[in-house]
N, C-alpha and C. Protein backbone atom coordinates (compact mmCIF):
# COMPACT_ATOMS: atom_id res chain seq x y z
N MET A 1 -13.38 -81.51 111.70
CA MET A 1 -13.72 -80.79 112.92
C MET A 1 -15.22 -80.83 113.11
N SER A 2 -15.66 -81.35 114.16
CA SER A 2 -17.09 -81.55 114.38
C SER A 2 -17.73 -80.28 114.91
N ALA A 3 -19.03 -80.12 114.53
CA ALA A 3 -19.78 -78.94 114.96
C ALA A 3 -20.26 -79.13 116.39
N PRO A 4 -20.32 -78.05 117.06
CA PRO A 4 -20.79 -78.16 118.46
C PRO A 4 -22.25 -78.55 118.50
N ARG A 5 -22.65 -79.30 119.52
CA ARG A 5 -24.02 -79.75 119.68
C ARG A 5 -24.79 -78.71 120.48
N HIS A 6 -25.98 -78.31 119.93
CA HIS A 6 -26.78 -77.32 120.59
C HIS A 6 -28.05 -77.91 121.21
N GLY A 7 -28.42 -79.12 120.84
CA GLY A 7 -29.63 -79.73 121.37
C GLY A 7 -29.39 -80.40 122.70
N GLY A 8 -30.53 -80.75 123.33
CA GLY A 8 -30.46 -81.50 124.60
C GLY A 8 -29.79 -80.74 125.70
N ASP A 9 -30.20 -79.50 125.91
CA ASP A 9 -29.62 -78.72 127.00
C ASP A 9 -29.83 -79.41 128.34
N VAL A 10 -28.83 -79.41 129.12
CA VAL A 10 -28.89 -80.02 130.45
C VAL A 10 -29.18 -78.93 131.48
N THR A 11 -30.25 -79.13 132.22
CA THR A 11 -30.61 -78.17 133.28
C THR A 11 -30.53 -78.84 134.62
N GLU A 12 -30.13 -78.09 135.59
CA GLU A 12 -30.03 -78.60 136.96
C GLU A 12 -31.35 -78.40 137.68
N GLU A 13 -31.87 -79.47 138.27
CA GLU A 13 -33.12 -79.39 139.02
C GLU A 13 -32.84 -78.86 140.42
N PRO A 14 -33.66 -77.96 140.87
CA PRO A 14 -33.45 -77.44 142.24
C PRO A 14 -33.70 -78.52 143.28
N ASN A 15 -33.02 -78.40 144.36
CA ASN A 15 -33.18 -79.35 145.46
C ASN A 15 -34.41 -78.95 146.27
N THR A 16 -35.52 -79.68 146.06
CA THR A 16 -36.77 -79.38 146.75
C THR A 16 -37.01 -80.29 147.93
N GLY A 17 -36.03 -81.09 148.25
CA GLY A 17 -36.20 -82.05 149.33
C GLY A 17 -36.05 -81.44 150.70
N GLY A 18 -35.79 -80.12 150.74
CA GLY A 18 -35.62 -79.50 152.06
C GLY A 18 -34.16 -79.49 152.45
N SER A 19 -33.70 -78.40 152.95
CA SER A 19 -32.31 -78.26 153.35
C SER A 19 -32.13 -78.65 154.80
N ASP A 20 -30.90 -78.93 155.15
CA ASP A 20 -30.63 -79.30 156.53
C ASP A 20 -30.89 -78.14 157.47
N ALA A 21 -30.78 -76.90 156.92
CA ALA A 21 -31.00 -75.74 157.77
C ALA A 21 -32.45 -75.64 158.21
N ASP A 22 -33.39 -76.20 157.37
CA ASP A 22 -34.81 -76.14 157.71
C ASP A 22 -35.22 -77.25 158.66
N SER A 23 -34.39 -78.23 158.84
CA SER A 23 -34.73 -79.37 159.69
C SER A 23 -34.11 -79.19 161.07
N PRO A 24 -34.78 -79.69 162.10
CA PRO A 24 -34.20 -79.60 163.44
C PRO A 24 -32.94 -80.44 163.54
N PRO A 25 -31.96 -80.01 164.32
CA PRO A 25 -30.67 -80.73 164.39
C PRO A 25 -30.81 -82.13 164.93
N ASN A 26 -31.73 -82.34 165.88
CA ASN A 26 -31.94 -83.67 166.46
C ASN A 26 -33.43 -83.98 166.42
N PRO A 27 -33.94 -84.41 165.27
CA PRO A 27 -35.38 -84.65 165.16
C PRO A 27 -35.84 -85.77 166.08
N ASP A 28 -37.04 -85.61 166.63
CA ASP A 28 -37.61 -86.63 167.49
C ASP A 28 -39.05 -86.87 167.08
N ILE A 29 -39.79 -87.61 167.90
CA ILE A 29 -41.16 -87.99 167.55
C ILE A 29 -42.06 -86.77 167.45
N ASP A 30 -41.78 -85.73 168.25
CA ASP A 30 -42.59 -84.51 168.18
C ASP A 30 -42.43 -83.82 166.83
N ASP A 31 -41.21 -83.81 166.31
CA ASP A 31 -40.98 -83.23 164.99
C ASP A 31 -41.71 -84.02 163.92
N LEU A 32 -41.70 -85.34 164.05
CA LEU A 32 -42.42 -86.18 163.09
C LEU A 32 -43.91 -85.90 163.13
N LEU A 33 -44.47 -85.78 164.32
CA LEU A 33 -45.90 -85.49 164.45
C LEU A 33 -46.24 -84.13 163.84
N ASP A 34 -45.37 -83.15 164.06
CA ASP A 34 -45.61 -81.83 163.47
C ASP A 34 -45.61 -81.90 161.95
N GLU A 35 -44.66 -82.63 161.39
CA GLU A 35 -44.59 -82.76 159.93
C GLU A 35 -45.83 -83.47 159.38
N LEU A 36 -46.28 -84.50 160.07
CA LEU A 36 -47.46 -85.23 159.61
C LEU A 36 -48.71 -84.36 159.70
N GLU A 37 -48.82 -83.56 160.75
CA GLU A 37 -49.98 -82.68 160.88
C GLU A 37 -49.99 -81.62 159.77
N GLN A 38 -48.80 -81.10 159.41
CA GLN A 38 -48.72 -80.14 158.32
C GLN A 38 -49.08 -80.81 157.00
N LEU A 39 -48.62 -82.04 156.83
CA LEU A 39 -48.92 -82.77 155.60
C LEU A 39 -50.42 -83.03 155.47
N GLU A 40 -51.05 -83.34 156.61
CA GLU A 40 -52.50 -83.60 156.59
C GLU A 40 -53.28 -82.39 156.10
N GLU A 41 -52.81 -81.20 156.45
CA GLU A 41 -53.51 -79.98 156.05
C GLU A 41 -53.36 -79.69 154.56
N THR A 42 -52.29 -80.19 153.95
CA THR A 42 -52.04 -79.87 152.54
C THR A 42 -52.58 -80.93 151.59
N VAL A 43 -52.91 -82.11 152.10
CA VAL A 43 -53.38 -83.19 151.23
C VAL A 43 -54.86 -82.98 150.89
N ASP A 44 -55.18 -83.08 149.60
CA ASP A 44 -56.55 -82.87 149.15
C ASP A 44 -57.30 -84.18 148.91
N ASP A 45 -56.59 -85.21 148.47
CA ASP A 45 -57.24 -86.47 148.15
C ASP A 45 -57.72 -87.15 149.44
N PRO A 46 -59.00 -87.56 149.50
CA PRO A 46 -59.54 -88.18 150.72
C PRO A 46 -58.79 -89.43 151.15
N GLU A 47 -58.41 -90.28 150.18
CA GLU A 47 -57.71 -91.52 150.54
C GLU A 47 -56.33 -91.22 151.11
N GLU A 48 -55.63 -90.27 150.50
CA GLU A 48 -54.31 -89.91 151.00
C GLU A 48 -54.40 -89.26 152.38
N ARG A 49 -55.44 -88.43 152.57
CA ARG A 49 -55.63 -87.80 153.88
C ARG A 49 -55.89 -88.86 154.95
N ALA A 50 -56.67 -89.88 154.58
CA ALA A 50 -56.95 -90.96 155.53
C ALA A 50 -55.67 -91.71 155.88
N GLN A 51 -54.79 -91.90 154.90
CA GLN A 51 -53.53 -92.58 155.16
C GLN A 51 -52.65 -91.76 156.10
N VAL A 52 -52.64 -90.44 155.88
CA VAL A 52 -51.85 -89.58 156.76
C VAL A 52 -52.39 -89.62 158.19
N ARG A 53 -53.72 -89.60 158.33
CA ARG A 53 -54.32 -89.65 159.66
C ARG A 53 -54.01 -90.98 160.35
N GLU A 54 -54.00 -92.07 159.59
CA GLU A 54 -53.68 -93.36 160.18
C GLU A 54 -52.22 -93.38 160.64
N THR A 55 -51.35 -92.79 159.83
CA THR A 55 -49.94 -92.71 160.23
C THR A 55 -49.77 -91.88 161.48
N LEU A 56 -50.52 -90.78 161.57
CA LEU A 56 -50.50 -89.96 162.78
C LEU A 56 -50.95 -90.75 164.00
N ARG A 57 -52.02 -91.53 163.83
CA ARG A 57 -52.55 -92.32 164.94
C ARG A 57 -51.50 -93.31 165.42
N VAL A 58 -50.83 -93.98 164.50
CA VAL A 58 -49.80 -94.96 164.88
C VAL A 58 -48.63 -94.27 165.55
N ALA A 59 -48.23 -93.11 165.02
CA ALA A 59 -47.09 -92.39 165.59
C ALA A 59 -47.38 -91.95 167.02
N ARG A 60 -48.62 -91.53 167.29
CA ARG A 60 -48.97 -91.11 168.64
C ARG A 60 -48.97 -92.29 169.59
N ARG A 61 -49.31 -93.48 169.10
CA ARG A 61 -49.34 -94.67 169.96
C ARG A 61 -47.95 -95.11 170.35
N VAL A 62 -46.98 -94.94 169.46
CA VAL A 62 -45.62 -95.40 169.77
C VAL A 62 -44.81 -94.31 170.46
N ARG A 63 -45.42 -93.12 170.62
CA ARG A 63 -44.71 -92.04 171.29
C ARG A 63 -44.44 -92.43 172.74
N PRO A 64 -43.19 -92.37 173.21
CA PRO A 64 -42.88 -92.78 174.58
C PRO A 64 -43.37 -91.77 175.59
N GLY A 65 -43.73 -92.27 176.79
CA GLY A 65 -44.14 -91.40 177.88
C GLY A 65 -42.92 -90.96 178.67
N GLY A 66 -43.17 -90.45 179.89
CA GLY A 66 -42.09 -89.93 180.70
C GLY A 66 -41.05 -90.99 181.05
N PHE A 67 -41.47 -92.23 181.17
CA PHE A 67 -40.54 -93.31 181.48
C PHE A 67 -40.44 -94.30 180.31
N GLY A 68 -40.86 -93.87 179.13
CA GLY A 68 -40.71 -94.70 177.95
C GLY A 68 -41.70 -95.83 177.83
N ARG A 69 -42.84 -95.78 178.51
CA ARG A 69 -43.84 -96.81 178.44
C ARG A 69 -45.17 -96.24 177.96
N VAL A 70 -45.93 -97.04 177.26
CA VAL A 70 -47.29 -96.70 176.89
C VAL A 70 -48.21 -97.64 177.64
N ILE A 71 -49.12 -97.10 178.47
CA ILE A 71 -49.97 -97.91 179.33
C ILE A 71 -51.37 -97.95 178.75
N ARG A 72 -51.88 -99.15 178.54
CA ARG A 72 -53.23 -99.32 178.02
C ARG A 72 -53.94 -100.38 178.86
N GLY A 73 -55.26 -100.23 178.99
CA GLY A 73 -56.05 -101.23 179.70
C GLY A 73 -55.83 -101.15 181.21
N PHE A 74 -56.54 -102.03 181.91
CA PHE A 74 -56.41 -102.10 183.37
C PHE A 74 -56.72 -103.53 183.78
N ASP A 75 -55.67 -104.32 184.08
CA ASP A 75 -55.84 -105.73 184.39
C ASP A 75 -55.49 -106.00 185.85
N ARG A 76 -55.38 -107.29 186.20
CA ARG A 76 -55.09 -107.66 187.58
C ARG A 76 -53.73 -107.16 188.04
N HIS A 77 -52.79 -107.12 187.12
CA HIS A 77 -51.46 -106.62 187.46
C HIS A 77 -51.54 -105.14 187.85
N ASP A 78 -52.30 -104.37 187.09
CA ASP A 78 -52.47 -102.95 187.40
C ASP A 78 -53.21 -102.79 188.73
N ALA A 79 -54.22 -103.62 188.96
CA ALA A 79 -54.98 -103.55 190.21
C ALA A 79 -54.08 -103.84 191.41
N ALA A 80 -53.17 -104.81 191.26
CA ALA A 80 -52.26 -105.13 192.35
C ALA A 80 -51.32 -103.97 192.63
N GLU A 81 -50.85 -103.30 191.57
CA GLU A 81 -49.96 -102.14 191.76
C GLU A 81 -50.70 -101.01 192.47
N ALA A 82 -51.96 -100.79 192.07
CA ALA A 82 -52.75 -99.74 192.72
C ALA A 82 -52.99 -100.07 194.19
N LEU A 83 -53.21 -101.34 194.49
CA LEU A 83 -53.42 -101.76 195.88
C LEU A 83 -52.17 -101.52 196.72
N VAL A 84 -51.03 -101.89 196.19
CA VAL A 84 -49.78 -101.69 196.92
C VAL A 84 -49.54 -100.20 197.17
N GLY A 85 -49.73 -99.39 196.13
CA GLY A 85 -49.56 -97.95 196.29
C GLY A 85 -50.50 -97.37 197.32
N SER A 86 -51.74 -97.85 197.33
CA SER A 86 -52.72 -97.37 198.31
C SER A 86 -52.30 -97.69 199.73
N VAL A 87 -51.84 -98.90 199.94
CA VAL A 87 -51.43 -99.32 201.29
C VAL A 87 -50.21 -98.53 201.76
N VAL A 88 -49.23 -98.37 200.86
CA VAL A 88 -48.01 -97.65 201.24
C VAL A 88 -48.33 -96.21 201.66
N PHE A 89 -49.18 -95.53 200.87
CA PHE A 89 -49.53 -94.15 201.20
C PHE A 89 -50.54 -94.08 202.34
N GLY A 90 -51.31 -95.13 202.54
CA GLY A 90 -52.38 -95.09 203.53
C GLY A 90 -51.98 -95.43 204.93
N ILE A 91 -50.94 -96.25 205.11
CA ILE A 91 -50.54 -96.66 206.46
C ILE A 91 -50.24 -95.46 207.36
N PRO A 92 -49.51 -94.45 206.91
CA PRO A 92 -49.30 -93.29 207.80
C PRO A 92 -50.60 -92.62 208.21
N MET A 93 -51.59 -92.61 207.31
CA MET A 93 -52.88 -92.02 207.65
C MET A 93 -53.63 -92.87 208.68
N LEU A 94 -53.44 -94.19 208.62
CA LEU A 94 -54.13 -95.08 209.54
C LEU A 94 -53.65 -94.92 210.97
N VAL A 95 -52.37 -94.68 211.14
CA VAL A 95 -51.80 -94.61 212.48
C VAL A 95 -51.77 -93.17 213.02
N GLU A 96 -52.11 -92.21 212.20
CA GLU A 96 -52.08 -90.81 212.61
C GLU A 96 -53.43 -90.39 213.18
N GLY A 97 -53.42 -89.92 214.41
CA GLY A 97 -54.66 -89.50 215.04
C GLY A 97 -55.30 -88.30 214.38
N GLY A 98 -54.50 -87.50 213.71
CA GLY A 98 -55.04 -86.33 213.03
C GLY A 98 -56.03 -86.68 211.94
N THR A 99 -55.92 -87.88 211.40
CA THR A 99 -56.86 -88.32 210.36
C THR A 99 -58.28 -88.32 210.90
N LEU A 100 -58.45 -88.85 212.11
CA LEU A 100 -59.79 -88.91 212.71
C LEU A 100 -60.31 -87.51 213.03
N GLU A 101 -59.42 -86.63 213.45
CA GLU A 101 -59.83 -85.27 213.76
C GLU A 101 -60.29 -84.54 212.50
N ILE A 102 -59.56 -84.74 211.41
CA ILE A 102 -59.97 -84.13 210.14
C ILE A 102 -61.31 -84.69 209.70
N GLY A 103 -61.49 -86.00 209.90
CA GLY A 103 -62.76 -86.63 209.55
C GLY A 103 -63.92 -86.04 210.34
N GLU A 104 -63.69 -85.73 211.61
CA GLU A 104 -64.73 -85.12 212.43
C GLU A 104 -65.07 -83.72 211.91
N PHE A 105 -64.06 -82.98 211.52
CA PHE A 105 -64.31 -81.65 210.97
C PHE A 105 -65.09 -81.74 209.67
N VAL A 106 -64.69 -82.69 208.81
CA VAL A 106 -65.38 -82.86 207.52
C VAL A 106 -66.83 -83.27 207.75
N ALA A 107 -67.06 -84.13 208.76
CA ALA A 107 -68.43 -84.57 209.05
C ALA A 107 -69.30 -83.41 209.48
N ALA A 108 -68.72 -82.44 210.16
CA ALA A 108 -69.47 -81.28 210.63
C ALA A 108 -69.62 -80.22 209.55
N HIS A 109 -68.87 -80.34 208.45
CA HIS A 109 -68.92 -79.37 207.36
C HIS A 109 -69.03 -80.13 206.03
N PRO A 110 -70.24 -80.50 205.63
CA PRO A 110 -70.44 -81.28 204.40
C PRO A 110 -69.77 -80.71 203.16
N PRO A 111 -69.75 -79.37 202.95
CA PRO A 111 -69.03 -78.86 201.77
C PRO A 111 -67.56 -79.27 201.76
N ALA A 112 -66.97 -79.39 202.95
CA ALA A 112 -65.58 -79.82 203.01
C ALA A 112 -65.43 -81.26 202.52
N LEU A 113 -66.43 -82.09 202.82
CA LEU A 113 -66.40 -83.47 202.32
C LEU A 113 -66.48 -83.47 200.80
N GLY A 114 -67.40 -82.67 200.25
CA GLY A 114 -67.51 -82.60 198.80
C GLY A 114 -66.22 -82.12 198.16
N GLY A 115 -65.60 -81.12 198.77
CA GLY A 115 -64.33 -80.64 198.24
C GLY A 115 -63.24 -81.68 198.31
N THR A 116 -63.25 -82.45 199.40
CA THR A 116 -62.24 -83.51 199.56
C THR A 116 -62.39 -84.57 198.48
N LEU A 117 -63.62 -85.01 198.23
CA LEU A 117 -63.85 -86.06 197.24
C LEU A 117 -63.57 -85.57 195.82
N VAL A 118 -64.07 -84.36 195.51
CA VAL A 118 -63.83 -83.81 194.17
C VAL A 118 -62.33 -83.57 193.96
N GLY A 119 -61.66 -83.03 194.97
CA GLY A 119 -60.23 -82.80 194.85
C GLY A 119 -59.45 -84.09 194.68
N THR A 120 -59.89 -85.14 195.36
CA THR A 120 -59.22 -86.43 195.22
C THR A 120 -59.34 -86.97 193.81
N VAL A 121 -60.55 -86.92 193.26
CA VAL A 121 -60.75 -87.41 191.89
C VAL A 121 -59.93 -86.57 190.91
N ALA A 122 -59.93 -85.25 191.09
CA ALA A 122 -59.17 -84.38 190.20
C ALA A 122 -57.67 -84.67 190.30
N LEU A 123 -57.19 -84.95 191.51
CA LEU A 123 -55.77 -85.25 191.70
C LEU A 123 -55.39 -86.54 190.97
N VAL A 124 -56.24 -87.55 191.07
CA VAL A 124 -55.96 -88.82 190.40
C VAL A 124 -55.98 -88.63 188.88
N ILE A 125 -56.93 -87.88 188.38
CA ILE A 125 -56.98 -87.60 186.95
C ILE A 125 -55.70 -86.88 186.50
N GLY A 126 -55.26 -85.93 187.33
CA GLY A 126 -54.04 -85.21 186.99
C GLY A 126 -52.83 -86.11 186.93
N VAL A 127 -52.71 -87.02 187.89
CA VAL A 127 -51.56 -87.93 187.91
C VAL A 127 -51.59 -88.89 186.72
N LEU A 128 -52.78 -89.41 186.41
CA LEU A 128 -52.88 -90.42 185.36
C LEU A 128 -52.81 -89.83 183.96
N TYR A 129 -53.50 -88.71 183.74
CA TYR A 129 -53.71 -88.26 182.37
C TYR A 129 -53.16 -86.87 182.04
N VAL A 130 -52.83 -86.08 183.04
CA VAL A 130 -52.41 -84.70 182.75
C VAL A 130 -50.91 -84.49 182.96
N ALA A 131 -50.38 -85.02 184.04
CA ALA A 131 -48.97 -84.78 184.38
C ALA A 131 -48.01 -85.46 183.41
N GLU A 132 -48.47 -86.44 182.64
CA GLU A 132 -47.65 -87.16 181.65
C GLU A 132 -46.44 -87.82 182.29
N ILE A 133 -46.65 -88.34 183.51
CA ILE A 133 -45.60 -89.15 184.12
C ILE A 133 -45.35 -90.38 183.26
N GLN A 134 -46.43 -90.94 182.76
CA GLN A 134 -46.40 -91.98 181.74
C GLN A 134 -47.42 -91.61 180.69
N GLN A 135 -47.31 -92.23 179.52
CA GLN A 135 -48.34 -92.04 178.50
C GLN A 135 -49.44 -93.06 178.76
N VAL A 136 -50.53 -92.60 179.35
CA VAL A 136 -51.65 -93.47 179.70
C VAL A 136 -52.76 -93.28 178.68
N GLU A 137 -53.11 -94.34 177.97
CA GLU A 137 -54.17 -94.27 176.98
C GLU A 137 -55.49 -94.73 177.59
N ILE A 138 -56.57 -94.09 177.19
CA ILE A 138 -57.90 -94.48 177.63
C ILE A 138 -58.38 -95.59 176.70
N HIS A 139 -58.50 -96.80 177.24
CA HIS A 139 -58.81 -97.99 176.44
C HIS A 139 -60.16 -98.55 176.86
N GLN A 140 -61.09 -98.62 175.91
CA GLN A 140 -62.43 -99.17 176.15
C GLN A 140 -63.06 -98.58 177.41
N PRO A 141 -63.34 -97.28 177.42
CA PRO A 141 -63.92 -96.64 178.61
C PRO A 141 -65.31 -97.17 178.92
N LEU A 142 -65.67 -97.14 180.18
CA LEU A 142 -67.00 -97.58 180.59
C LEU A 142 -68.05 -96.59 180.08
N PHE A 143 -69.12 -97.12 179.51
CA PHE A 143 -70.19 -96.30 178.94
C PHE A 143 -69.66 -95.37 177.85
N GLY A 144 -68.48 -95.71 177.32
CA GLY A 144 -67.88 -94.90 176.26
C GLY A 144 -67.27 -93.60 176.73
N VAL A 145 -67.27 -93.34 178.04
CA VAL A 145 -66.80 -92.05 178.56
C VAL A 145 -65.82 -92.21 179.72
N VAL A 146 -66.17 -93.05 180.70
CA VAL A 146 -65.41 -93.12 181.95
C VAL A 146 -64.21 -94.07 181.79
N PRO A 147 -62.98 -93.60 182.01
CA PRO A 147 -61.81 -94.47 181.88
C PRO A 147 -61.82 -95.59 182.91
N ARG A 148 -61.54 -96.81 182.46
CA ARG A 148 -61.50 -97.96 183.36
C ARG A 148 -60.40 -97.81 184.41
N ARG A 149 -59.27 -97.27 184.02
CA ARG A 149 -58.16 -97.13 184.97
C ARG A 149 -58.54 -96.18 186.10
N LEU A 150 -59.22 -95.09 185.76
CA LEU A 150 -59.65 -94.14 186.79
C LEU A 150 -60.60 -94.81 187.78
N VAL A 151 -61.59 -95.54 187.25
CA VAL A 151 -62.54 -96.24 188.12
C VAL A 151 -61.83 -97.29 188.96
N GLY A 152 -60.90 -98.01 188.35
CA GLY A 152 -60.18 -99.04 189.08
C GLY A 152 -59.36 -98.50 190.21
N VAL A 153 -58.59 -97.44 189.95
CA VAL A 153 -57.74 -96.85 190.99
C VAL A 153 -58.58 -96.29 192.13
N LEU A 154 -59.64 -95.56 191.79
CA LEU A 154 -60.49 -94.97 192.82
C LEU A 154 -61.22 -96.05 193.62
N GLY A 155 -61.73 -97.06 192.93
CA GLY A 155 -62.46 -98.12 193.62
C GLY A 155 -61.57 -98.92 194.55
N ILE A 156 -60.38 -99.26 194.10
CA ILE A 156 -59.45 -100.03 194.92
C ILE A 156 -59.00 -99.21 196.13
N SER A 157 -58.73 -97.93 195.90
CA SER A 157 -58.26 -97.08 196.99
C SER A 157 -59.35 -96.90 198.06
N PHE A 158 -60.58 -96.66 197.63
CA PHE A 158 -61.64 -96.46 198.60
C PHE A 158 -61.93 -97.77 199.35
N SER A 159 -61.95 -98.89 198.64
CA SER A 159 -62.19 -100.18 199.29
C SER A 159 -61.09 -100.49 200.30
N THR A 160 -59.85 -100.18 199.94
CA THR A 160 -58.73 -100.41 200.85
C THR A 160 -58.86 -99.55 202.10
N ALA A 161 -59.29 -98.29 201.91
CA ALA A 161 -59.47 -97.41 203.06
C ALA A 161 -60.55 -97.94 203.99
N VAL A 162 -61.66 -98.40 203.43
CA VAL A 162 -62.76 -98.93 204.26
C VAL A 162 -62.30 -100.17 205.03
N VAL A 163 -61.68 -101.10 204.33
CA VAL A 163 -61.29 -102.37 204.95
C VAL A 163 -60.25 -102.15 206.03
N THR A 164 -59.19 -101.40 205.73
CA THR A 164 -58.10 -101.25 206.70
C THR A 164 -58.53 -100.44 207.91
N MET A 165 -59.29 -99.37 207.70
CA MET A 165 -59.72 -98.58 208.85
C MET A 165 -60.72 -99.33 209.73
N THR A 166 -61.52 -100.17 209.10
CA THR A 166 -62.46 -100.98 209.88
C THR A 166 -61.73 -102.10 210.62
N ALA A 167 -60.82 -102.78 209.91
CA ALA A 167 -60.10 -103.90 210.51
C ALA A 167 -59.20 -103.45 211.66
N TRP A 168 -58.66 -102.25 211.58
CA TRP A 168 -57.78 -101.76 212.63
C TRP A 168 -58.53 -100.95 213.69
N GLY A 169 -59.84 -100.95 213.61
CA GLY A 169 -60.63 -100.27 214.63
C GLY A 169 -60.50 -98.76 214.62
N ARG A 170 -60.21 -98.18 213.47
CA ARG A 170 -60.05 -96.73 213.38
C ARG A 170 -61.37 -96.00 213.20
N VAL A 171 -62.41 -96.72 212.78
CA VAL A 171 -63.72 -96.11 212.61
C VAL A 171 -64.78 -96.97 213.30
N ASP A 172 -65.85 -96.34 213.69
CA ASP A 172 -66.98 -97.03 214.33
C ASP A 172 -68.21 -96.81 213.45
N TRP A 173 -68.66 -97.88 212.82
CA TRP A 173 -69.77 -97.76 211.88
C TRP A 173 -71.12 -97.63 212.57
N ALA A 174 -71.11 -97.52 213.89
CA ALA A 174 -72.35 -97.18 214.59
C ALA A 174 -72.80 -95.77 214.21
N ASP A 175 -71.84 -94.94 213.81
CA ASP A 175 -72.13 -93.61 213.27
C ASP A 175 -71.64 -93.60 211.82
N PRO A 176 -72.47 -94.05 210.89
CA PRO A 176 -72.03 -94.22 209.50
C PRO A 176 -71.50 -92.94 208.86
N TRP A 177 -72.14 -91.82 209.14
CA TRP A 177 -71.71 -90.56 208.51
C TRP A 177 -70.30 -90.18 208.95
N LEU A 178 -70.05 -90.24 210.25
CA LEU A 178 -68.71 -89.92 210.75
C LEU A 178 -67.68 -90.91 210.20
N ALA A 179 -68.03 -92.18 210.21
CA ALA A 179 -67.10 -93.19 209.70
C ALA A 179 -66.80 -92.96 208.22
N PHE A 180 -67.82 -92.63 207.44
CA PHE A 180 -67.62 -92.38 206.01
C PHE A 180 -66.69 -91.19 205.79
N CYS A 181 -66.87 -90.14 206.56
CA CYS A 181 -66.03 -88.95 206.42
C CYS A 181 -64.59 -89.25 206.80
N GLN A 182 -64.40 -90.01 207.86
CA GLN A 182 -63.03 -90.37 208.27
C GLN A 182 -62.37 -91.28 207.24
N VAL A 183 -63.14 -92.19 206.69
CA VAL A 183 -62.60 -93.04 205.63
C VAL A 183 -62.24 -92.20 204.41
N SER A 184 -63.04 -91.19 204.10
CA SER A 184 -62.79 -90.35 202.92
C SER A 184 -61.47 -89.61 203.03
N VAL A 185 -61.12 -89.22 204.27
CA VAL A 185 -59.84 -88.54 204.47
C VAL A 185 -58.68 -89.48 204.14
N THR A 186 -58.77 -90.70 204.63
CA THR A 186 -57.73 -91.69 204.31
C THR A 186 -57.74 -92.03 202.82
N PHE A 187 -58.93 -92.10 202.25
CA PHE A 187 -59.07 -92.40 200.83
C PHE A 187 -58.33 -91.38 199.97
N ALA A 188 -58.30 -90.12 200.37
CA ALA A 188 -57.62 -89.09 199.58
C ALA A 188 -56.15 -89.43 199.41
N ALA A 189 -55.50 -89.85 200.49
CA ALA A 189 -54.08 -90.21 200.40
C ALA A 189 -53.89 -91.52 199.66
N MET A 190 -54.77 -92.47 199.91
CA MET A 190 -54.64 -93.77 199.25
C MET A 190 -54.86 -93.68 197.75
N ALA A 191 -55.75 -92.80 197.33
CA ALA A 191 -55.99 -92.64 195.89
C ALA A 191 -54.75 -92.12 195.18
N LEU A 192 -54.09 -91.16 195.80
CA LEU A 192 -52.84 -90.66 195.22
C LEU A 192 -51.80 -91.77 195.14
N GLY A 193 -51.68 -92.54 196.23
CA GLY A 193 -50.73 -93.65 196.21
C GLY A 193 -51.11 -94.71 195.20
N GLY A 194 -52.41 -94.98 195.06
CA GLY A 194 -52.85 -95.97 194.09
C GLY A 194 -52.54 -95.55 192.66
N ALA A 195 -52.73 -94.27 192.35
CA ALA A 195 -52.43 -93.78 190.99
C ALA A 195 -50.95 -93.86 190.69
N LEU A 196 -50.12 -93.43 191.64
CA LEU A 196 -48.68 -93.48 191.43
C LEU A 196 -48.18 -94.92 191.39
N GLY A 197 -48.71 -95.77 192.27
CA GLY A 197 -48.29 -97.17 192.27
C GLY A 197 -48.67 -97.88 190.99
N ASP A 198 -49.76 -97.45 190.38
CA ASP A 198 -50.21 -98.09 189.16
C ASP A 198 -49.32 -97.75 187.96
N ILE A 199 -48.94 -96.47 187.81
CA ILE A 199 -48.27 -96.06 186.58
C ILE A 199 -46.76 -95.99 186.67
N LEU A 200 -46.21 -95.82 187.88
CA LEU A 200 -44.75 -95.68 187.95
C LEU A 200 -44.00 -96.92 187.50
N PRO A 201 -44.39 -98.14 187.90
CA PRO A 201 -43.65 -99.31 187.43
C PRO A 201 -43.84 -99.59 185.96
N GLY A 202 -44.84 -99.00 185.31
CA GLY A 202 -45.15 -99.31 183.92
C GLY A 202 -46.13 -100.45 183.84
N SER A 203 -46.56 -100.72 182.63
CA SER A 203 -47.58 -101.74 182.45
C SER A 203 -47.41 -102.41 181.10
């Protein structure tokens, strides 16, 4: 009859891998980003922290936008989309007589012109970068600060407003100030159309 063995006790290791109850039922990229950010705070080693930050950077780049696209840069294709959007939104302004009347009012009230231009720029920034209709990344900004896409959309929209209103005889440049104010009113609508036309189809 053999003696019972007392050595080599077997112990059960606790499950430290996290329970299903602690995890979200349908994890997505936001949950992954949250976990990586928490991990970054707990890591002490500089090299490991750098690796976590790099993983975070990559995860943010692959994060889908509102329509599942990540938009970077601003090329001829984007410029063409902005032009089409500007024209589509601008044509009603070109044929509407109220546009010229608003331009006359703006010309007589310079603060209104400033508000129109500032509001237009703010609206375009909101569509491109705040509303998250798409995930638009700022790639190689001008002077390290100004987004190329913002400059492109605004520049194309304003140029389109000048050309179309001049070509269709909607403004008279004999009075440059009045003409500029009337063009600015059309530019406000065209800029919105240019921003939407640029990002909605994706890039």
